[in-house]
Amino acid sequence: EHQPIHTMLAIALADLAIQMDHAWPNAVETMFQRFGQSPESYPTLLEVVRMLPEENNNYKLMTDSFKRESCSQRLQAATPQVVQFLLNLQCPTMQARRKVLECFLSWIKYTN
């Protein structure tokens, strides 16, 4: 129903995390604290976490190479937390499973 809007907001939040660089050094941790506490907010968390590595590799995003590399290092450091969350997530629906797999794929592509 509102998926395109949800995706665009997730992209905007991911881009903000990249642009803020050292002003928001713990962006992934903040996302987990804010959206990882209740199942109702898991779709938002999954969308944002999926977009972070994709946007860091998106060279249409106007940012300097220092910020991009800095974000890359922070994302690499956050990978165990992201993978653990995805492995432990209970997926009651096929749509939820698909979202988790999309997120895994985004991080696998990023870390390889």
Protein backbone atom coordinates (compact mmCIF):
# COMPACT_ATOMS: atom_id res chain seq x y z
CA GLU A 1 0.00 0.00 0.00
CA HIS A 2 2.60 2.59 1.07
CA GLN A 3 5.70 0.64 0.07
CA PRO A 4 7.15 3.20 -2.38
CA ILE A 5 6.94 5.93 0.28
CA HIS A 6 8.42 3.59 2.88
CA THR A 7 11.32 2.76 0.54
CA MET A 8 12.00 6.41 -0.29
CA LEU A 9 12.08 7.32 3.42
CA ALA A 10 14.48 4.43 4.07
CA ILE A 11 16.74 5.66 1.27
CA ALA A 12 16.64 9.18 2.69
CA LEU A 13 17.57 7.90 6.16
CA ALA A 14 20.41 5.78 4.75
CA ASP A 15 21.70 8.74 2.75
CA LEU A 16 21.51 10.95 5.83
CA ALA A 17 23.58 8.44 7.80
CA ILE A 18 26.23 8.47 5.05
CA GLN A 19 26.27 12.27 4.74
CA MET A 20 26.44 12.89 8.49
CA ASP A 21 29.53 10.70 8.74
CA HIS A 22 31.22 11.41 12.10
CA ALA A 23 28.25 13.43 13.34
CA TRP A 24 26.29 10.12 13.44
CA PRO A 25 28.96 7.44 13.88
CA ASN A 26 26.63 4.82 15.33
CA ALA A 27 23.80 5.04 12.78
CA VAL A 28 23.25 1.27 12.54
CA GLU A 29 23.19 0.90 16.31
CA THR A 30 20.73 3.79 16.55
CA MET A 31 18.47 2.12 13.98
CA PHE A 32 18.44 -1.07 16.01
CA GLN A 33 17.68 0.84 19.22
CA ARG A 34 14.87 2.80 17.59
CA PHE A 35 13.27 0.21 15.29
CA GLY A 36 14.49 -3.15 16.63
CA GLN A 37 12.51 -3.27 19.85
CA SER A 38 9.10 -4.29 18.54
CA PRO A 39 7.91 -6.45 15.64
CA GLU A 40 5.69 -3.61 14.38
CA SER A 41 8.77 -1.57 13.47
CA TYR A 42 10.79 -4.45 11.96
CA PRO A 43 9.67 -3.65 8.39
CA THR A 44 11.09 -0.14 8.78
CA LEU A 45 14.31 -1.47 10.26
CA LEU A 46 14.71 -4.05 7.49
CA GLU A 47 14.15 -1.44 4.80
CA VAL A 48 16.67 1.02 6.25
CA VAL A 49 19.27 -1.66 7.00
CA ARG A 50 18.86 -3.00 3.45
CA MET A 51 19.38 0.47 1.99
CA LEU A 52 22.53 1.38 3.96
CA PRO A 53 25.01 -0.75 1.99
CA GLU A 54 23.16 -0.17 -1.27
CA GLU A 55 23.30 3.60 -0.86
CA ASN A 56 26.93 3.55 0.19
CA ASN A 57 27.67 1.89 -3.16
CA ASN A 58 25.37 4.29 -5.04
CA TYR A 59 27.67 6.73 -6.77
CA LYS A 60 24.72 8.94 -7.70
CA LEU A 61 24.71 9.94 -4.03
CA MET A 62 26.71 13.14 -3.92
CA THR A 63 29.25 12.62 -1.16
CA ASP A 64 33.00 12.69 -0.95
CA SER A 65 35.15 9.57 -0.97
CA PHE A 66 36.23 10.11 2.65
CA LYS A 67 32.62 9.92 3.91
CA ARG A 68 31.91 6.92 1.70
CA GLU A 69 34.99 5.06 3.02
CA SER A 70 34.23 6.05 6.59
CA CYS A 71 30.68 4.74 6.23
CA SER A 72 32.02 1.57 4.65
CA GLN A 73 34.18 0.93 7.72
CA ARG A 74 31.23 1.52 10.05
CA LEU A 75 29.03 -0.81 8.01
CA GLN A 76 31.70 -3.52 8.05
CA ALA A 77 31.88 -3.16 11.84
CA ALA A 78 28.07 -3.41 12.11
CA THR A 79 27.81 -6.51 9.90
CA PRO A 80 27.84 -9.05 12.79
CA GLN A 81 25.00 -7.19 14.54
CA VAL A 82 22.96 -7.05 11.33
CA VAL A 83 23.52 -10.73 10.50
CA GLN A 84 22.67 -11.81 14.06
CA PHE A 85 19.45 -9.81 13.97
CA LEU A 86 18.45 -11.29 10.61
CA LEU A 87 19.23 -14.85 11.73
CA ASN A 88 17.16 -14.46 14.91
CA LEU A 89 14.19 -12.76 13.29
CA GLN A 90 10.95 -14.72 13.32
CA CYS A 91 9.17 -14.36 9.99
CA PRO A 92 5.45 -15.06 10.29
CA THR A 93 4.68 -14.37 6.62
CA MET A 94 6.21 -15.02 3.22
CA GLN A 95 6.50 -11.26 2.70
CA ALA A 96 8.52 -10.96 5.94
CA ARG A 97 10.83 -13.79 4.81
CA ARG A 98 11.33 -12.05 1.48
CA LYS A 99 12.29 -8.79 3.25
CA VAL A 100 14.84 -10.60 5.41
CA LEU A 101 16.34 -12.34 2.37
CA GLU A 102 16.53 -9.03 0.48
CA CYS A 103 18.38 -7.52 3.43
CA PHE A 104 20.78 -10.49 3.60
CA LEU A 105 21.44 -10.18 -0.12
CA SER A 106 22.20 -6.47 0.17
CA TRP A 107 24.77 -7.10 2.92
CA ILE A 108 26.28 -10.15 1.19
CA LYS A 109 26.82 -8.13 -1.99
CA TYR A 110 28.32 -5.33 0.07
CA THR A 111 30.74 -7.40 2.13
CA ASN A 112 32.02 -9.48 -0.82
